[in-house]
Amino acid sequence: MDDVMVVRIYLREAEHGKRRTLMQEVLSLLHDQHRVEGVVVFRGIAGFGDSGEVHATDLLRLNVDLPLAVEFFDKPAVVQAALKVLETMVPAKHIVCWHAQRRTGTDTARKD
């Protein structure tokens, strides 16, 4: 097994970075600059943050600002380097991380 760090970043669809949506800028940073091993973006159907304002999908709304969670993992050194930059883009309280173990192919190989 390998030690990895997992990070989850909470955003909203309508949040903007300098040139694109914040989600696009985060993905670009993780893919192009830090080459992290795995990234997934989850789109929520409802959620709220510190303000208590509920962001939810509604057929009657034209403006949809749904919650997003960007999750990624890699070796701790790679994650720490990415976090230094991410914390300048996203409020630190919107970032959670934890240590995990990744199963390697030799650990899970099945012989049928």
PDB file of N, CA and C in Angstrom:
ATOM      1  N   MET A   1       0.832  -1.190   0.000  1.00  0.00           N
ATOM      2  CA  MET A   1       0.000   0.000   0.000  1.00  0.00           C
ATOM      3  C   MET A   1       0.877   1.253   0.000  1.00  0.00           C
ATOM      4  N   ASP A   2       0.371   2.304  -0.650  1.00  0.00           N
ATOM      5  CA  ASP A   2       1.048   3.608  -0.696  1.00  0.00           C
ATOM      6  C   ASP A   2       0.304   4.587   0.202  1.00  0.00           C
ATOM      7  N   ASP A   3       1.056   5.466   0.866  1.00  0.00           N
ATOM      8  CA  ASP A   3       0.435   6.571   1.596  1.00  0.00           C
ATOM      9  C   ASP A   3       0.131   7.690   0.614  1.00  0.00           C
ATOM     10  N   VAL A   4      -1.089   8.198   0.664  1.00  0.00           N
ATOM     11  CA  VAL A   4      -1.508   9.319  -0.171  1.00  0.00           C
ATOM     12  C   VAL A   4      -2.263  10.314   0.699  1.00  0.00           C
ATOM     13  N   MET A   5      -2.467  11.497   0.161  1.00  0.00           N
ATOM     14  CA  MET A   5      -3.354  12.474   0.789  1.00  0.00           C
ATOM     15  C   MET A   5      -4.525  12.698  -0.143  1.00  0.00           C
ATOM     16  N   VAL A   6      -5.700  12.835   0.437  1.00  0.00           N
ATOM     17  CA  VAL A   6      -6.921  13.126  -0.296  1.00  0.00           C
ATOM     18  C   VAL A   6      -7.358  14.536   0.101  1.00  0.00           C
ATOM     19  N   VAL A   7      -7.763  15.323  -0.875  1.00  0.00           N
ATOM     20  CA  VAL A   7      -8.203  16.695  -0.624  1.00  0.00           C
ATOM     21  C   VAL A   7      -9.571  16.886  -1.249  1.00  0.00           C
ATOM     22  N   ARG A   8     -10.444  17.552  -0.519  1.00  0.00           N
ATOM     23  CA  ARG A   8     -11.755  17.928  -1.062  1.00  0.00           C
ATOM     24  C   ARG A   8     -11.899  19.435  -0.912  1.00  0.00           C
ATOM     25  N   ILE A   9     -12.277  20.084  -2.017  1.00  0.00           N
ATOM     26  CA  ILE A   9     -12.444  21.535  -2.058  1.00  0.00           C
ATOM     27  C   ILE A   9     -13.910  21.823  -2.364  1.00  0.00           C
ATOM     28  N   TYR A  10     -14.530  22.656  -1.546  1.00  0.00           N
ATOM     29  CA  TYR A  10     -15.941  23.005  -1.728  1.00  0.00           C
ATOM     30  C   TYR A  10     -16.046  24.347  -2.438  1.00  0.00           C
ATOM     31  N   LEU A  11     -16.751  24.345  -3.577  1.00  0.00           N
ATOM     32  CA  LEU A  11     -16.943  25.532  -4.406  1.00  0.00           C
ATOM     33  C   LEU A  11     -18.414  25.670  -4.783  1.00  0.00           C
ATOM     34  N   ARG A  12     -18.705  26.731  -5.532  1.00  0.00           N
ATOM     35  CA  ARG A  12     -20.015  26.897  -6.171  1.00  0.00           C
ATOM     36  C   ARG A  12     -19.773  27.113  -7.662  1.00  0.00           C
ATOM     37  N   GLU A  13     -20.742  26.707  -8.464  1.00  0.00           N
ATOM     38  CA  GLU A  13     -20.601  26.835  -9.917  1.00  0.00           C
ATOM     39  C   GLU A  13     -20.315  28.264 -10.360  1.00  0.00           C
ATOM     40  N   ALA A  14     -20.923  29.233  -9.712  1.00  0.00           N
ATOM     41  CA  ALA A  14     -20.823  30.620 -10.159  1.00  0.00           C
ATOM     42  C   ALA A  14     -19.559  31.335  -9.679  1.00  0.00           C
ATOM     43  N   GLU A  15     -18.748  30.684  -8.859  1.00  0.00           N
ATOM     44  CA  GLU A  15     -17.537  31.341  -8.377  1.00  0.00           C
ATOM     45  C   GLU A  15     -16.545  31.499  -9.526  1.00  0.00           C
ATOM     46  N   HIS A  16     -15.976  32.689  -9.605  1.00  0.00           N
ATOM     47  CA  HIS A  16     -15.038  32.969 -10.691  1.00  0.00           C
ATOM     48  C   HIS A  16     -13.643  33.217 -10.162  1.00  0.00           C
ATOM     49  N   GLY A  17     -12.688  32.774 -10.964  1.00  0.00           N
ATOM     50  CA  GLY A  17     -11.291  33.059 -10.701  1.00  0.00           C
ATOM     51  C   GLY A  17     -10.921  34.314 -11.457  1.00  0.00           C
ATOM     52  N   LYS A  18      -9.679  34.382 -11.897  1.00  0.00           N
ATOM     53  CA  LYS A  18      -9.213  35.564 -12.620  1.00  0.00           C
ATOM     54  C   LYS A  18      -9.704  35.594 -14.065  1.00  0.00           C
ATOM     55  N   ARG A  19      -9.707  34.428 -14.735  1.00  0.00           N
ATOM     56  CA  ARG A  19     -10.072  34.402 -16.155  1.00  0.00           C
ATOM     57  C   ARG A  19     -11.235  33.469 -16.474  1.00  0.00           C
ATOM     58  N   ARG A  20     -11.419  32.444 -15.649  1.00  0.00           N
ATOM     59  CA  ARG A  20     -12.443  31.430 -15.901  1.00  0.00           C
ATOM     60  C   ARG A  20     -13.169  31.137 -14.599  1.00  0.00           C
ATOM     61  N   THR A  21     -14.031  30.134 -14.634  1.00  0.00           N
ATOM     62  CA  THR A  21     -14.659  29.752 -13.378  1.00  0.00           C
ATOM     63  C   THR A  21     -13.573  29.236 -12.440  1.00  0.00           C
ATOM     64  N   LEU A  22     -13.836  29.334 -11.158  1.00  0.00           N
ATOM     65  CA  LEU A  22     -12.853  28.870 -10.178  1.00  0.00           C
ATOM     66  C   LEU A  22     -12.605  27.375 -10.327  1.00  0.00           C
ATOM     67  N   MET A  23     -13.651  26.615 -10.626  1.00  0.00           N
ATOM     68  CA  MET A  23     -13.473  25.179 -10.834  1.00  0.00           C
ATOM     69  C   MET A  23     -12.500  24.914 -11.983  1.00  0.00           C
ATOM     70  N   GLN A  24     -12.641  25.625 -13.088  1.00  0.00           N
ATOM     71  CA  GLN A  24     -11.745  25.436 -14.225  1.00  0.00           C
ATOM     72  C   GLN A  24     -10.307  25.796 -13.864  1.00  0.00           C
ATOM     73  N   GLU A  25     -10.144  26.851 -13.084  1.00  0.00           N
ATOM     74  CA  GLU A  25      -8.797  27.250 -12.684  1.00  0.00           C
ATOM     75  C   GLU A  25      -8.174  26.220 -11.742  1.00  0.00           C
ATOM     76  N   VAL A  26      -8.980  25.672 -10.834  1.00  0.00           N
ATOM     77  CA  VAL A  26      -8.481  24.637  -9.931  1.00  0.00           C
ATOM     78  C   VAL A  26      -8.082  23.401 -10.728  1.00  0.00           C
ATOM     79  N   LEU A  27      -8.932  22.972 -11.655  1.00  0.00           N
ATOM     80  CA  LEU A  27      -8.615  21.798 -12.478  1.00  0.00           C
ATOM     81  C   LEU A  27      -7.344  22.022 -13.294  1.00  0.00           C
ATOM     82  N   SER A  28      -7.212  23.200 -13.861  1.00  0.00           N
ATOM     83  CA  SER A  28      -6.014  23.519 -14.646  1.00  0.00           C
ATOM     84  C   SER A  28      -4.760  23.441 -13.778  1.00  0.00           C
ATOM     85  N   LEU A  29      -4.829  24.004 -12.591  1.00  0.00           N
ATOM     86  CA  LEU A  29      -3.692  23.956 -11.672  1.00  0.00           C
ATOM     87  C   LEU A  29      -3.327  22.513 -11.345  1.00  0.00           C
ATOM     88  N   LEU A  30      -4.314  21.697 -11.011  1.00  0.00           N
ATOM     89  CA  LEU A  30      -4.047  20.314 -10.615  1.00  0.00           C
ATOM     90  C   LEU A  30      -3.537  19.471 -11.780  1.00  0.00           C
ATOM     91  N   HIS A  31      -4.064  19.721 -12.978  1.00  0.00           N
ATOM     92  CA  HIS A  31      -3.682  18.932 -14.154  1.00  0.00           C
ATOM     93  C   HIS A  31      -2.377  19.422 -14.775  1.00  0.00           C
ATOM     94  N   ASP A  32      -2.320  20.702 -15.067  1.00  0.00           N
ATOM     95  CA  ASP A  32      -1.200  21.235 -15.839  1.00  0.00           C
ATOM     96  C   ASP A  32       0.049  21.508 -14.999  1.00  0.00           C
ATOM     97  N   GLN A  33      -0.133  22.049 -13.810  1.00  0.00           N
ATOM     98  CA  GLN A  33       1.030  22.450 -13.021  1.00  0.00           C
ATOM     99  C   GLN A  33       1.521  21.368 -12.067  1.00  0.00           C
ATOM    100  N   HIS A  34       0.582  20.640 -11.441  1.00  0.00           N
ATOM    101  CA  HIS A  34       0.994  19.675 -10.415  1.00  0.00           C
ATOM    102  C   HIS A  34       0.834  18.221 -10.844  1.00  0.00           C
ATOM    103  N   ARG A  35       0.166  17.991 -11.950  1.00  0.00           N
ATOM    104  CA  ARG A  35       0.026  16.633 -12.497  1.00  0.00           C
ATOM    105  C   ARG A  35      -0.408  15.616 -11.437  1.00  0.00           C
ATOM    106  N   VAL A  36      -1.444  15.976 -10.666  1.00  0.00           N
ATOM    107  CA  VAL A  36      -1.902  15.058  -9.628  1.00  0.00           C
ATOM    108  C   VAL A  36      -2.467  13.790 -10.272  1.00  0.00           C
ATOM    109  N   GLU A  37      -2.478  12.724  -9.501  1.00  0.00           N
ATOM    110  CA  GLU A  37      -2.825  11.408 -10.041  1.00  0.00           C
ATOM    111  C   GLU A  37      -4.302  11.229 -10.339  1.00  0.00           C
ATOM    112  N   GLY A  38      -5.169  11.824  -9.566  1.00  0.00           N
ATOM    113  CA  GLY A  38      -6.587  11.616  -9.793  1.00  0.00           C
ATOM    114  C   GLY A  38      -7.404  12.798  -9.318  1.00  0.00           C
ATOM    115  N   VAL A  39      -8.364  13.218 -10.119  1.00  0.00           N
ATOM    116  CA  VAL A  39      -9.251  14.337  -9.776  1.00  0.00           C
ATOM    117  C   VAL A  39     -10.658  13.981 -10.227  1.00  0.00           C
ATOM    118  N   VAL A  40     -11.638  14.357  -9.410  1.00  0.00           N
ATOM    119  CA  VAL A  40     -13.037  14.219  -9.801  1.00  0.00           C
ATOM    120  C   VAL A  40     -13.789  15.429  -9.263  1.00  0.00           C
ATOM    121  N   VAL A  41     -14.780  15.887 -10.020  1.00  0.00           N
ATOM    122  CA  VAL A  41     -15.632  16.990  -9.584  1.00  0.00           C
ATOM    123  C   VAL A  41     -17.038  16.446  -9.411  1.00  0.00           C
ATOM    124  N   PHE A  42     -17.590  16.661  -8.216  1.00  0.00           N
ATOM    125  CA  PHE A  42     -18.961  16.262  -7.920  1.00  0.00           C
ATOM    126  C   PHE A  42     -19.839  17.503  -7.960  1.00  0.00           C
ATOM    127  N   ARG A  43     -21.003  17.393  -8.587  1.00  0.00           N
ATOM    128  CA  ARG A  43     -21.956  18.496  -8.629  1.00  0.00           C
ATOM    129  C   ARG A  43     -23.122  18.136  -7.719  1.00  0.00           C
ATOM    130  N   GLY A  44     -23.346  18.945  -6.711  1.00  0.00           N
ATOM    131  CA  GLY A  44     -24.418  18.679  -5.760  1.00  0.00           C
ATOM    132  C   GLY A  44     -25.760  19.177  -6.261  1.00  0.00           C
ATOM    133  N   ILE A  45     -26.815  18.623  -5.715  1.00  0.00           N
ATOM    134  CA  ILE A  45     -28.151  19.111  -6.069  1.00  0.00           C
ATOM    135  C   ILE A  45     -28.626  20.171  -5.087  1.00  0.00           C
ATOM    136  N   ALA A  46     -27.956  20.270  -3.941  1.00  0.00           N
ATOM    137  CA  ALA A  46     -28.272  21.298  -2.959  1.00  0.00           C
ATOM    138  C   ALA A  46     -27.133  21.405  -1.959  1.00  0.00           C
ATOM    139  N   GLY A  47     -27.034  22.560  -1.327  1.00  0.00           N
ATOM    140  CA  GLY A  47     -26.040  22.754  -0.292  1.00  0.00           C
ATOM    141  C   GLY A  47     -26.083  24.170   0.233  1.00  0.00           C
ATOM    142  N   PHE A  48     -25.388  24.402   1.360  1.00  0.00           N
ATOM    143  CA  PHE A  48     -25.260  25.747   1.903  1.00  0.00           C
ATOM    144  C   PHE A  48     -23.949  25.858   2.640  1.00  0.00           C
ATOM    145  N   GLY A  49     -23.491  27.083   2.788  1.00  0.00           N
ATOM    146  CA  GLY A  49     -22.229  27.337   3.477  1.00  0.00           C
ATOM    147  C   GLY A  49     -22.448  28.232   4.677  1.00  0.00           C
ATOM    148  N   ASP A  50     -21.421  29.013   5.009  1.00  0.00           N
ATOM    149  CA  ASP A  50     -21.460  29.878   6.188  1.00  0.00           C
ATOM    150  C   ASP A  50     -22.635  30.848   6.185  1.00  0.00           C
ATOM    151  N   SER A  51     -22.989  31.350   5.018  1.00  0.00           N
ATOM    152  CA  SER A  51     -24.063  32.346   4.941  1.00  0.00           C
ATOM    153  C   SER A  51     -25.426  31.747   5.249  1.00  0.00           C
ATOM    154  N   GLY A  52     -25.542  30.423   5.121  1.00  0.00           N
ATOM    155  CA  GLY A  52     -26.830  29.769   5.345  1.00  0.00           C
ATOM    156  C   GLY A  52     -27.735  29.805   4.126  1.00  0.00           C
ATOM    157  N   GLU A  53     -27.301  30.495   3.061  1.00  0.00           N
ATOM    158  CA  GLU A  53     -28.104  30.554   1.846  1.00  0.00           C
ATOM    159  C   GLU A  53     -28.064  29.194   1.153  1.00  0.00           C
ATOM    160  N   VAL A  54     -29.242  28.651   0.893  1.00  0.00           N
ATOM    161  CA  VAL A  54     -29.325  27.347   0.244  1.00  0.00           C
ATOM    162  C   VAL A  54     -29.188  27.522  -1.262  1.00  0.00           C
ATOM    163  N   HIS A  55     -28.290  26.760  -1.839  1.00  0.00           N
ATOM    164  CA  HIS A  55     -28.114  26.724  -3.293  1.00  0.00           C
ATOM    165  C   HIS A  55     -28.668  25.381  -3.739  1.00  0.00           C
ATOM    166  N   ALA A  56     -29.718  25.420  -4.547  1.00  0.00           N
ATOM    167  CA  ALA A  56     -30.372  24.174  -4.930  1.00  0.00           C
ATOM    168  C   ALA A  56     -30.838  24.247  -6.369  1.00  0.00           C
ATOM    169  N   THR A  57     -30.980  23.069  -6.967  1.00  0.00           N
ATOM    170  CA  THR A  57     -31.509  22.997  -8.314  1.00  0.00           C
ATOM    171  C   THR A  57     -33.015  23.212  -8.251  1.00  0.00           C
ATOM    172  N   ASP A  58     -33.518  23.978  -9.196  1.00  0.00           N
ATOM    173  CA  ASP A  58     -34.938  24.310  -9.225  1.00  0.00           C
ATOM    174  C   ASP A  58     -35.308  24.587 -10.677  1.00  0.00           C
ATOM    175  N   LEU A  59     -36.324  23.933 -11.159  1.00  0.00           N
ATOM    176  CA  LEU A  59     -36.711  24.106 -12.560  1.00  0.00           C
ATOM    177  C   LEU A  59     -37.138  25.534 -12.878  1.00  0.00           C
ATOM    178  N   LEU A  60     -37.563  26.291 -11.881  1.00  0.00           N
ATOM    179  CA  LEU A  60     -38.043  27.648 -12.121  1.00  0.00           C
ATOM    180  C   LEU A  60     -36.926  28.683 -12.137  1.00  0.00           C
ATOM    181  N   ARG A  61     -35.750  28.312 -11.667  1.00  0.00           N
ATOM    182  CA  ARG A  61     -34.623  29.248 -11.632  1.00  0.00           C
ATOM    183  C   ARG A  61     -33.851  29.208 -12.941  1.00  0.00           C
ATOM    184  N   LEU A  62     -33.514  30.384 -13.421  1.00  0.00           N
ATOM    185  CA  LEU A  62     -32.666  30.454 -14.611  1.00  0.00           C
ATOM    186  C   LEU A  62     -31.197  30.438 -14.222  1.00  0.00           C
ATOM    187  N   ASN A  63     -30.874  31.083 -13.115  1.00  0.00           N
ATOM    188  CA  ASN A  63     -29.499  31.100 -12.634  1.00  0.00           C
ATOM    189  C   ASN A  63     -29.301  29.951 -11.668  1.00  0.00           C
ATOM    190  N   VAL A  64     -28.470  29.016 -12.037  1.00  0.00           N
ATOM    191  CA  VAL A  64     -28.180  27.887 -11.167  1.00  0.00           C
ATOM    192  C   VAL A  64     -26.762  28.072 -10.631  1.00  0.00           C
ATOM    193  N   ASP A  65     -26.646  28.012  -9.331  1.00  0.00           N
ATOM    194  CA  ASP A  65     -25.351  28.167  -8.667  1.00  0.00           C
ATOM    195  C   ASP A  65     -25.210  27.007  -7.683  1.00  0.00           C
ATOM    196  N   LEU A  66     -25.053  25.809  -8.239  1.00  0.00           N
ATOM    197  CA  LEU A  66     -25.030  24.609  -7.420  1.00  0.00           C
ATOM    198  C   LEU A  66     -23.672  24.401  -6.762  1.00  0.00           C
ATOM    199  N   PRO A  67     -23.668  23.663  -5.649  1.00  0.00           N
ATOM    200  CA  PRO A  67     -22.400  23.366  -4.990  1.00  0.00           C
ATOM    201  C   PRO A  67     -21.580  22.367  -5.789  1.00  0.00           C
ATOM    202  N   LEU A  68     -20.269  22.522  -5.714  1.00  0.00           N
ATOM    203  CA  LEU A  68     -19.325  21.604  -6.347  1.00  0.00           C
ATOM    204  C   LEU A  68     -18.324  21.134  -5.296  1.00  0.00           C
ATOM    205  N   ALA A  69     -17.877  19.914  -5.444  1.00  0.00           N
ATOM    206  CA  ALA A  69     -16.777  19.403  -4.618  1.00  0.00           C
ATOM    207  C   ALA A  69     -15.728  18.857  -5.573  1.00  0.00           C
ATOM    208  N   VAL A  70     -14.529  19.411  -5.497  1.00  0.00           N
ATOM    209  CA  VAL A  70     -13.395  18.936  -6.291  1.00  0.00           C
ATOM    210  C   VAL A  70     -12.566  18.072  -5.356  1.00  0.00           C
ATOM    211  N   GLU A  71     -12.357  16.813  -5.740  1.00  0.00           N
ATOM    212  CA  GLU A  71     -11.593  15.895  -4.898  1.00  0.00           C
ATOM    213  C   GLU A  71     -10.405  15.370  -5.687  1.00  0.00           C
ATOM    214  N   PHE A  72      -9.248  15.314  -5.029  1.00  0.00           N
ATOM    215  CA  PHE A  72      -8.064  14.777  -5.689  1.00  0.00           C
ATOM    216  C   PHE A  72      -7.176  14.083  -4.676  1.00  0.00           C
ATOM    217  N   PHE A  73      -6.245  13.288  -5.205  1.00  0.00           N
ATOM    218  CA  PHE A  73      -5.298  12.580  -4.336  1.00  0.00           C
ATOM    219  C   PHE A  73      -3.951  12.466  -5.033  1.00  0.00           C
ATOM    220  N   ASP A  74      -2.922  12.307  -4.226  1.00  0.00           N
ATOM    221  CA  ASP A  74      -1.574  12.068  -4.731  1.00  0.00           C
ATOM    222  C   ASP A  74      -0.668  11.847  -3.522  1.00  0.00           C
ATOM    223  N   LYS A  75       0.611  11.711  -3.804  1.00  0.00           N
ATOM    224  CA  LYS A  75       1.597  11.584  -2.734  1.00  0.00           C
ATOM    225  C   LYS A  75       1.570  12.858  -1.886  1.00  0.00           C
ATOM    226  N   PRO A  76       1.838  12.742  -0.585  1.00  0.00           N
ATOM    227  CA  PRO A  76       1.769  13.920   0.293  1.00  0.00           C
ATOM    228  C   PRO A  76       2.580  15.120  -0.191  1.00  0.00           C
ATOM    229  N   ALA A  77       3.770  14.919  -0.726  1.00  0.00           N
ATOM    230  CA  ALA A  77       4.597  16.054  -1.181  1.00  0.00           C
ATOM    231  C   ALA A  77       3.928  16.796  -2.335  1.00  0.00           C
ATOM    232  N   VAL A  78       3.313  16.065  -3.261  1.00  0.00           N
ATOM    233  CA  VAL A  78       2.630  16.693  -4.393  1.00  0.00           C
ATOM    234  C   VAL A  78       1.416  17.471  -3.903  1.00  0.00           C
ATOM    235  N   VAL A  79       0.661  16.880  -2.995  1.00  0.00           N
ATOM    236  CA  VAL A  79      -0.535  17.535  -2.456  1.00  0.00           C
ATOM    237  C   VAL A  79      -0.151  18.803  -1.701  1.00  0.00           C
ATOM    238  N   GLN A  80       0.884  18.734  -0.883  1.00  0.00           N
ATOM    239  CA  GLN A  80       1.300  19.914  -0.112  1.00  0.00           C
ATOM    240  C   GLN A  80       1.698  21.066  -1.041  1.00  0.00           C
ATOM    241  N   ALA A  81       2.391  20.748  -2.123  1.00  0.00           N
ATOM    242  CA  ALA A  81       2.780  21.788  -3.091  1.00  0.00           C
ATOM    243  C   ALA A  81       1.538  22.399  -3.743  1.00  0.00           C
ATOM    244  N   ALA A  82       0.576  21.570  -4.115  1.00  0.00           N
ATOM    245  CA  ALA A  82      -0.663  22.070  -4.720  1.00  0.00           C
ATOM    246  C   ALA A  82      -1.455  22.908  -3.725  1.00  0.00           C
ATOM    247  N   LEU A  83      -1.500  22.481  -2.466  1.00  0.00           N
ATOM    248  CA  LEU A  83      -2.259  23.207  -1.445  1.00  0.00           C
ATOM    249  C   LEU A  83      -1.723  24.621  -1.225  1.00  0.00           C
ATOM    250  N   LYS A  84      -0.418  24.804  -1.332  1.00  0.00           N
ATOM    251  CA  LYS A  84       0.152  26.144  -1.163  1.00  0.00           C
ATOM    252  C   LYS A  84      -0.448  27.121  -2.160  1.00  0.00           C
ATOM    253  N   VAL A  85      -0.659  26.669  -3.381  1.00  0.00           N
ATOM    254  CA  VAL A  85      -1.239  27.538  -4.409  1.00  0.00           C
ATOM    255  C   VAL A  85      -2.758  27.609  -4.246  1.00  0.00           C
ATOM    256  N   LEU A  86      -3.391  26.470  -3.984  1.00  0.00           N
ATOM    257  CA  LEU A  86      -4.851  26.442  -3.843  1.00  0.00           C
ATOM    258  C   LEU A  86      -5.336  27.363  -2.731  1.00  0.00           C
ATOM    259  N   GLU A  87      -4.567  27.458  -1.652  1.00  0.00           N
ATOM    260  CA  GLU A  87      -4.975  28.302  -0.533  1.00  0.00           C
ATOM    261  C   GLU A  87      -4.938  29.786  -0.876  1.00  0.00           C
ATOM    262  N   THR A  88      -4.297  30.156  -1.989  1.00  0.00           N
ATOM    263  CA  THR A  88      -4.343  31.544  -2.459  1.00  0.00           C
ATOM    264  C   THR A  88      -5.555  31.779  -3.358  1.00  0.00           C
ATOM    265  N   MET A  89      -6.183  30.701  -3.806  1.00  0.00           N
ATOM    266  CA  MET A  89      -7.329  30.794  -4.721  1.00  0.00           C
ATOM    267  C   MET A  89      -8.669  30.568  -4.027  1.00  0.00           C
ATOM    268  N   VAL A  90      -8.671  29.713  -3.020  1.00  0.00           N
ATOM    269  CA  VAL A  90      -9.885  29.249  -2.357  1.00  0.00           C
ATOM    270  C   VAL A  90      -9.730  29.503  -0.858  1.00  0.00           C
ATOM    271  N   PRO A  91     -10.791  29.956  -0.172  1.00  0.00           N
ATOM    272  CA  PRO A  91     -10.655  30.108   1.286  1.00  0.00           C
ATOM    273  C   PRO A  91     -10.230  28.790   1.938  1.00  0.00           C
ATOM    274  N   ALA A  92      -9.255  28.853   2.829  1.00  0.00           N
ATOM    275  CA  ALA A  92      -8.713  27.641   3.458  1.00  0.00           C
ATOM    276  C   ALA A  92      -9.795  26.822   4.148  1.00  0.00           C
ATOM    277  N   LYS A  93     -10.813  27.474   4.697  1.00  0.00           N
ATOM    278  CA  LYS A  93     -11.861  26.724   5.384  1.00  0.00           C
ATOM    279  C   LYS A  93     -12.739  25.929   4.413  1.00  0.00           C
ATOM    280  N   HIS A  94     -12.553  26.118   3.120  1.00  0.00           N
ATOM    281  CA  HIS A  94     -13.292  25.351   2.107  1.00  0.00           C
ATOM    282  C   HIS A  94     -12.485  24.152   1.613  1.00  0.00           C
ATOM    283  N   ILE A  95     -11.342  23.915   2.239  1.00  0.00           N
ATOM    284  CA  ILE A  95     -10.462  22.812   1.846  1.00  0.00           C
ATOM    285  C   ILE A  95     -10.321  21.860   3.031  1.00  0.00           C
ATOM    286  N   VAL A  96     -10.594  20.587   2.787  1.00  0.00           N
ATOM    287  CA  VAL A  96     -10.356  19.568   3.820  1.00  0.00           C
ATOM    288  C   VAL A  96      -9.442  18.512   3.223  1.00  0.00           C
ATOM    289  N   CYS A  97      -8.602  17.922   4.059  1.00  0.00           N
ATOM    290  CA  CYS A  97      -7.709  16.883   3.551  1.00  0.00           C
ATOM    291  C   CYS A  97      -7.470  15.847   4.635  1.00  0.00           C
ATOM    292  N   TRP A  98      -7.114  14.666   4.185  1.00  0.00           N
ATOM    293  CA  TRP A  98      -6.835  13.577   5.110  1.00  0.00           C
ATOM    294  C   TRP A  98      -5.860  12.601   4.460  1.00  0.00           C
ATOM    295  N   HIS A  99      -5.178  11.861   5.313  1.00  0.00           N
ATOM    296  CA  HIS A  99      -4.249  10.838   4.847  1.00  0.00           C
ATOM    297  C   HIS A  99      -5.024   9.554   4.575  1.00  0.00           C
ATOM    298  N   ALA A 100      -4.603   8.834   3.575  1.00  0.00           N
ATOM    299  CA  ALA A 100      -5.241   7.568   3.213  1.00  0.00           C
ATOM    300  C   ALA A 100      -4.176   6.622   2.675  1.00  0.00           C
ATOM    301  N   GLN A 101      -4.580   5.387   2.474  1.00  0.00           N
ATOM    302  CA  GLN A 101      -3.682   4.414   1.861  1.00  0.00           C
ATOM    303  C   GLN A 101      -4.301   3.927   0.565  1.00  0.00           C
ATOM    304  N   ARG A 102      -3.479   3.925  -0.458  1.00  0.00           N
ATOM    305  CA  ARG A 102      -3.915   3.447  -1.762  1.00  0.00           C
ATOM    306  C   ARG A 102      -3.461   2.001  -1.899  1.00  0.00           C
ATOM    307  N   ARG A 103      -4.378   1.178  -2.292  1.00  0.00           N
ATOM    308  CA  ARG A 103      -4.036  -0.229  -2.529  1.00  0.00           C
ATOM    309  C   ARG A 103      -3.282  -0.329  -3.847  1.00  0.00           C
ATOM    310  N   THR A 104      -2.233  -1.085  -3.846  1.00  0.00           N
ATOM    311  CA  THR A 104      -1.457  -1.277  -5.070  1.00  0.00           C
ATOM    312  C   THR A 104      -1.970  -2.516  -5.793  1.00  0.00           C
ATOM    313  N   GLY A 105      -1.636  -2.650  -7.039  1.00  0.00           N
ATOM    314  CA  GLY A 105      -2.113  -3.767  -7.855  1.00  0.00           C
ATOM    315  C   GLY A 105      -1.770  -5.128  -7.279  1.00  0.00           C
ATOM    316  N   THR A 106      -0.633  -5.243  -6.624  1.00  0.00           N
ATOM    317  CA  THR A 106      -0.247  -6.531  -6.076  1.00  0.00           C
ATOM    318  C   THR A 106      -1.098  -6.920  -4.869  1.00  0.00           C
ATOM    319  N   ASP A 107      -1.656  -5.911  -4.182  1.00  0.00           N
ATOM    320  CA  ASP A 107      -2.489  -6.176  -3.018  1.00  0.00           C
ATOM    321  C   ASP A 107      -3.870  -6.715  -3.404  1.00  0.00           C
ATOM    322  N   THR A 108      -4.355  -6.326  -4.587  1.00  0.00           N
ATOM    323  CA  THR A 108      -5.744  -6.616  -4.929  1.00  0.00           C
ATOM    324  C   THR A 108      -5.902  -7.554  -6.109  1.00  0.00           C
ATOM    325  N   ALA A 109      -4.798  -8.081  -6.618  1.00  0.00           N
ATOM    326  CA  ALA A 109      -4.883  -8.951  -7.790  1.00  0.00           C
ATOM    327  C   ALA A 109      -5.732 -10.189  -7.472  1.00  0.00           C
ATOM    328  N   ARG A 110      -6.686 -10.453  -8.360  1.00  0.00           N
ATOM    329  CA  ARG A 110      -7.550 -11.623  -8.206  1.00  0.00           C
ATOM    330  C   ARG A 110      -7.109 -12.706  -9.163  1.00  0.00           C
ATOM    331  N   LYS A 111      -7.210 -13.900  -8.721  1.00  0.00           N
ATOM    332  CA  LYS A 111      -6.892 -15.027  -9.581  1.00  0.00           C
ATOM    333  C   LYS A 111      -8.138 -15.886  -9.690  1.00  0.00           C
ATOM    334  N   ASP A 112      -8.821 -15.753 -10.807  1.00  0.00           N
ATOM    335  CA  ASP A 112     -10.054 -16.527 -11.036  1.00  0.00           C
ATOM    336  C   ASP A 112      -9.768 -17.762 -11.857  1.00  0.00           C
TER     337      ASP A 112
END
